[in-house]
Amino acid sequence: MNKKLIAAAVVAGLAAPMAAQADVTVYGIGQLELANIDNGNGSQTTIADSKATRLGVKWSEDLGGGLKALGEFEYASPIEDNTGNALAGRQAYLGLKGGFGTVEIGTVLQPYKYSGGVKYDAFVTTVAEARSGHGGMIKSWFGQGGYFSNAISYQKSFGMAKVWLAYSPEESHPQDALSNAGHAGAKGDLMASLVFNIPNGQVGVAYAKDNNATGTTGPAGEKNTKVFGKYSFGTSTVLAQYEQSKSDVATDYKVYFV
């Protein structure tokens, strides 16, 4: 016990000076949405939502030699999570950035979701967003919602191209400690994207493979693929995306929007 206490004291003593020197940012967004949806069959649904509401802390520390340590914790509103918890877990990772790229370990953003996808949606974080089932994106926890927990994420830009990979070495799908909502993150789960930034636009592809045989976070063996692109001329921008979703148990389907 004494050895453990001494070790803890040493770690705390080392961490305090580093924390004092780190660049720390506290951020937050507050949004409450009340929507009335006409289902087209004479019935209506009223929804109170708060998809954009969040509170977070992120920090970075210059380690010298071109290396930077970084980390982030982010929490969502209980309205979005629908659990009644005061705060629901979102991102929670530690990382290292350098000439080799950026590596993050923990609960990270999903490469599939944030390549094209929600970045192209004018109604993102609202009831009318495309991935909520009201528009031309697949509705899926794996790749389009939640976060990628127990994952290792890698990002690197090579000229006009950006590679983003995320993989989970975890043996089973865990439950988020605060919200009890299943996030993707079982052994073999994989997400990847490749984006080319061209003059006045970009084109790219993304892929998400759920290796879970029981479909804890979606249909068993779900595999999602999409291609996307956008081009700006003058004050206008044209963008398009095509997606295909397959699984071991659900009917395959395809969606697109322009």
Protein backbone atom coordinates (compact mmCIF):
# COMPACT_ATOMS: atom_id res chain seq x y z
CA MET A 1 0.00 0.00 0.00
CA ASN A 2 2.80 2.44 0.89
CA LYS A 3 4.53 1.72 -2.41
CA LYS A 4 1.32 2.47 -4.31
CA LEU A 5 0.83 5.73 -2.41
CA ILE A 6 4.40 6.80 -3.07
CA ALA A 7 4.06 5.97 -6.76
CA ALA A 8 0.81 7.94 -6.94
CA ALA A 9 2.43 10.92 -5.26
CA VAL A 10 5.35 10.86 -7.71
CA VAL A 11 3.00 10.71 -10.72
CA ALA A 12 0.91 13.55 -9.31
CA GLY A 13 4.03 15.60 -8.72
CA LEU A 14 5.16 15.12 -12.31
CA ALA A 15 1.73 15.76 -13.78
CA ALA A 16 1.12 19.06 -11.97
CA PRO A 17 3.91 21.05 -13.72
CA MET A 18 2.88 19.61 -17.10
CA ALA A 19 -0.76 20.56 -16.53
CA ALA A 20 0.28 24.07 -15.58
CA GLN A 21 2.10 24.46 -18.91
CA ALA A 22 -0.54 22.79 -21.12
CA ASP A 23 -2.78 24.78 -23.41
CA VAL A 24 -6.25 24.01 -22.00
CA THR A 25 -9.55 25.04 -23.62
CA VAL A 26 -13.00 24.68 -22.07
CA TYR A 27 -15.78 24.86 -24.64
CA GLY A 28 -19.48 24.31 -24.94
CA ILE A 29 -22.56 24.64 -27.14
CA GLY A 30 -26.13 25.14 -25.98
CA GLN A 31 -29.04 24.28 -28.28
CA LEU A 32 -32.62 23.20 -27.64
CA GLU A 33 -34.91 22.24 -30.52
CA LEU A 34 -38.65 21.62 -30.44
CA ALA A 35 -39.93 20.06 -33.66
CA ASN A 36 -43.34 18.95 -34.87
CA ILE A 37 -43.16 16.31 -37.62
CA ASP A 38 -46.04 15.50 -39.96
CA ASN A 39 -45.68 11.79 -40.74
CA GLY A 40 -47.85 12.06 -43.87
CA ASN A 41 -50.50 9.64 -42.62
CA GLY A 42 -52.51 12.05 -40.50
CA SER A 43 -50.31 11.61 -37.42
CA GLN A 44 -47.78 14.03 -36.00
CA THR A 45 -44.80 13.65 -33.70
CA THR A 46 -43.38 16.30 -31.38
CA ILE A 47 -39.70 15.96 -30.54
CA ALA A 48 -37.56 17.87 -28.04
CA ASP A 49 -33.94 17.48 -29.03
CA SER A 50 -30.54 18.91 -28.24
CA LYS A 51 -28.09 17.20 -30.57
CA ALA A 52 -25.58 20.05 -30.62
CA THR A 53 -25.50 20.69 -26.86
CA ARG A 54 -22.19 19.66 -25.35
CA LEU A 55 -19.54 20.59 -22.82
CA GLY A 56 -15.89 19.70 -23.23
CA VAL A 57 -12.28 20.22 -22.22
CA LYS A 58 -9.36 19.78 -24.59
CA TRP A 59 -5.68 20.40 -24.11
CA SER A 60 -2.31 20.11 -25.83
CA GLU A 61 1.26 20.13 -24.57
CA ASP A 62 4.37 20.85 -26.64
CA LEU A 63 6.85 18.06 -25.91
CA GLY A 64 9.61 19.45 -28.12
CA GLY A 65 11.18 17.86 -31.16
CA GLY A 66 8.03 18.45 -33.18
CA LEU A 67 5.89 16.32 -30.86
CA LYS A 68 2.70 17.42 -29.15
CA ALA A 69 0.60 15.55 -26.58
CA LEU A 70 -3.15 16.15 -26.70
CA GLY A 71 -6.40 15.00 -25.19
CA GLU A 72 -10.09 15.75 -24.95
CA PHE A 73 -13.15 14.92 -22.86
CA GLU A 74 -16.60 15.84 -24.15
CA TYR A 75 -20.10 15.27 -22.78
CA ALA A 76 -23.56 15.61 -24.31
CA SER A 77 -26.89 16.76 -22.90
CA PRO A 78 -29.27 14.24 -21.26
CA ILE A 79 -31.95 15.21 -23.80
CA GLU A 80 -29.89 13.87 -26.68
CA ASP A 81 -29.00 10.69 -24.83
CA ASN A 82 -32.53 10.10 -23.50
CA THR A 83 -31.21 8.42 -20.35
CA GLY A 84 -31.87 11.14 -17.78
CA ASN A 85 -28.17 11.28 -16.87
CA ALA A 86 -26.76 14.71 -16.13
CA LEU A 87 -24.03 14.22 -18.73
CA ALA A 88 -23.57 11.58 -21.42
CA GLY A 89 -20.09 10.60 -22.58
CA ARG A 90 -18.91 11.54 -26.06
CA GLN A 91 -15.21 11.87 -26.92
CA ALA A 92 -12.58 10.79 -24.41
CA TYR A 93 -9.08 10.24 -25.76
CA LEU A 94 -5.36 10.86 -25.34
CA GLY A 95 -3.11 11.38 -28.33
CA LEU A 96 0.25 12.25 -29.83
CA LYS A 97 0.86 14.47 -32.86
CA GLY A 98 4.02 14.86 -34.91
CA GLY A 99 5.49 14.56 -38.38
CA PHE A 100 4.21 10.98 -38.51
CA GLY A 101 0.60 12.19 -38.18
CA THR A 102 -1.86 12.14 -35.29
CA VAL A 103 -2.58 9.09 -33.12
CA GLU A 104 -5.50 9.06 -30.65
CA ILE A 105 -6.47 6.27 -28.24
CA GLY A 106 -9.82 6.01 -26.46
CA THR A 107 -13.28 7.07 -27.62
CA VAL A 108 -12.70 8.97 -30.85
CA LEU A 109 -14.63 10.50 -33.74
CA GLN A 110 -15.77 8.09 -36.45
CA PRO A 111 -13.82 8.53 -39.73
CA TYR A 112 -16.83 7.35 -41.73
CA LYS A 113 -19.20 9.89 -40.20
CA TYR A 114 -16.91 12.91 -40.48
CA SER A 115 -15.67 12.32 -44.04
CA GLY A 116 -18.32 13.81 -46.31
CA GLY A 117 -21.43 12.79 -44.37
CA VAL A 118 -22.34 15.23 -41.62
CA LYS A 119 -19.80 17.70 -43.00
CA TYR A 120 -22.01 18.07 -46.06
CA ASP A 121 -25.37 18.21 -44.29
CA ALA A 122 -26.83 21.72 -43.94
CA PHE A 123 -29.24 20.44 -41.25
CA VAL A 124 -26.71 18.50 -39.16
CA THR A 125 -27.42 18.33 -35.38
CA THR A 126 -31.12 19.06 -36.00
CA VAL A 127 -34.17 16.81 -36.25
CA ALA A 128 -34.07 17.34 -40.03
CA GLU A 129 -30.53 16.01 -40.48
CA ALA A 130 -30.08 13.45 -43.25
CA ARG A 131 -28.65 10.66 -41.05
CA SER A 132 -31.67 10.70 -38.70
CA GLY A 133 -33.80 8.82 -41.24
CA HIS A 134 -35.37 11.95 -42.75
CA GLY A 135 -32.83 12.35 -45.55
CA GLY A 136 -30.41 10.64 -47.91
CA MET A 137 -27.94 9.09 -45.47
CA ILE A 138 -27.94 5.71 -43.82
CA LYS A 139 -29.14 5.63 -40.24
CA SER A 140 -26.67 3.57 -38.24
CA TRP A 141 -24.81 3.69 -34.94
CA PHE A 142 -21.86 2.13 -36.71
CA GLY A 143 -20.32 4.87 -38.80
CA GLN A 144 -23.07 7.48 -38.65
CA GLY A 145 -23.76 7.97 -34.95
CA GLY A 146 -22.21 7.76 -31.54
CA TYR A 147 -18.46 7.42 -31.26
CA PHE A 148 -15.80 4.77 -31.79
CA SER A 149 -14.83 3.55 -28.31
CA ASN A 150 -11.81 1.42 -27.34
CA ALA A 151 -10.25 2.50 -30.61
CA ILE A 152 -6.92 3.57 -32.05
CA SER A 153 -7.24 6.42 -34.55
CA TYR A 154 -4.61 7.59 -37.04
CA GLN A 155 -4.73 10.66 -39.31
CA LYS A 156 -2.14 11.89 -41.77
CA SER A 157 -2.12 14.29 -44.71
CA PHE A 158 0.00 13.57 -47.79
CA GLY A 159 -0.13 16.61 -50.03
CA MET A 160 -3.73 16.88 -51.27
CA ALA A 161 -4.71 13.53 -49.73
CA LYS A 162 -5.76 12.82 -46.14
CA VAL A 163 -5.89 9.30 -44.69
CA TRP A 164 -7.95 8.55 -41.57
CA LEU A 165 -8.05 5.08 -40.00
CA ALA A 166 -9.64 3.78 -36.80
CA TYR A 167 -9.50 0.23 -35.44
CA SER A 168 -10.66 -1.45 -32.25
CA PRO A 169 -8.57 -4.25 -30.67
CA GLU A 170 -11.19 -4.72 -27.89
CA GLU A 171 -12.65 -8.20 -27.36
CA SER A 172 -16.29 -7.15 -26.87
CA HIS A 173 -18.65 -4.21 -27.29
CA PRO A 174 -18.48 -2.18 -24.05
CA GLN A 175 -21.18 0.02 -22.61
CA ASP A 176 -20.44 3.69 -22.14
CA ALA A 177 -19.88 4.33 -18.44
CA LEU A 178 -22.14 7.38 -18.22
CA SER A 179 -24.89 6.85 -20.77
CA ASN A 180 -25.07 3.04 -20.98
CA ALA A 181 -25.39 3.51 -24.74
CA GLY A 182 -23.43 1.04 -26.87
CA HIS A 183 -20.70 2.65 -28.97
CA ALA A 184 -18.92 0.82 -31.74
CA GLY A 185 -15.74 -0.73 -30.43
CA ALA A 186 -15.28 -4.51 -30.62
CA LYS A 187 -12.25 -6.45 -31.81
CA GLY A 188 -11.90 -6.18 -35.55
CA ASP A 189 -14.19 -3.17 -36.02
CA LEU A 190 -12.67 -0.90 -38.66
CA MET A 191 -13.35 2.49 -40.21
CA ALA A 192 -11.35 4.30 -42.86
CA SER A 193 -11.55 7.27 -45.20
CA LEU A 194 -9.46 8.77 -47.97
CA VAL A 195 -10.14 12.38 -49.00
CA PHE A 196 -8.50 14.35 -51.81
CA ASN A 197 -8.69 18.13 -51.49
CA ILE A 198 -8.73 19.47 -55.04
CA PRO A 199 -8.91 23.10 -56.20
CA ASN A 200 -12.33 24.47 -55.16
CA GLY A 201 -13.50 21.17 -53.73
CA GLN A 202 -12.82 17.61 -52.63
CA VAL A 203 -13.61 13.99 -53.46
CA GLY A 204 -13.35 10.96 -51.23
CA VAL A 205 -14.38 7.47 -50.16
CA ALA A 206 -15.12 5.99 -46.73
CA TYR A 207 -15.71 2.50 -45.32
CA ALA A 208 -16.97 1.07 -42.02
CA LYS A 209 -16.94 -2.62 -41.08
CA ASP A 210 -18.66 -3.89 -37.92
CA ASN A 211 -17.01 -7.18 -36.96
CA ASN A 212 -19.60 -7.87 -34.26
CA ALA A 213 -21.47 -11.11 -34.99
CA THR A 214 -24.43 -10.27 -32.72
CA GLY A 215 -25.09 -6.74 -33.92
CA THR A 216 -24.82 -5.02 -30.52
CA THR A 217 -24.48 -1.59 -32.11
CA GLY A 218 -26.43 -2.32 -35.28
CA PRO A 219 -27.20 -5.14 -37.71
CA ALA A 220 -24.76 -8.05 -37.41
CA GLY A 221 -21.79 -7.79 -39.75
CA GLU A 222 -22.76 -4.33 -40.98
CA LYS A 223 -20.58 -2.93 -43.77
CA ASN A 224 -21.08 0.66 -44.96
CA THR A 225 -19.44 2.27 -47.98
CA LYS A 226 -19.77 5.74 -49.47
CA VAL A 227 -18.28 8.02 -52.11
CA PHE A 228 -18.68 11.79 -51.96
CA GLY A 229 -17.51 15.06 -53.38
CA LYS A 230 -18.15 18.79 -53.62
CA TYR A 231 -17.15 21.64 -55.89
CA SER A 232 -17.46 25.40 -55.38
CA PHE A 233 -17.77 28.01 -58.10
CA GLY A 234 -18.42 31.64 -57.30
CA THR A 235 -20.80 31.82 -54.36
CA SER A 236 -22.33 28.39 -55.03
CA THR A 237 -21.33 24.86 -53.99
CA VAL A 238 -22.52 21.59 -55.50
CA LEU A 239 -22.10 18.44 -53.41
CA ALA A 240 -23.18 14.81 -53.69
CA GLN A 241 -22.88 11.56 -51.79
CA TYR A 242 -23.77 7.92 -52.45
CA GLU A 243 -23.93 5.24 -49.73
CA GLN A 244 -24.42 1.49 -49.63
CA SER A 245 -25.10 -0.55 -46.50
CA LYS A 246 -24.92 -4.34 -46.17
CA SER A 247 -25.22 -6.70 -43.21
CA ASP A 248 -25.58 -10.38 -42.36
CA VAL A 249 -29.23 -10.07 -41.29
CA ALA A 250 -30.74 -6.86 -42.66
CA THR A 251 -31.82 -6.03 -46.21
CA ASP A 252 -29.12 -4.24 -48.19
CA TYR A 253 -29.95 -0.66 -49.14
CA LYS A 254 -28.52 2.32 -50.95
CA VAL A 255 -29.07 6.06 -50.47
CA TYR A 256 -27.82 9.23 -52.10
CA PHE A 257 -28.29 12.98 -51.95
CA VAL A 258 -27.28 15.92 -54.11
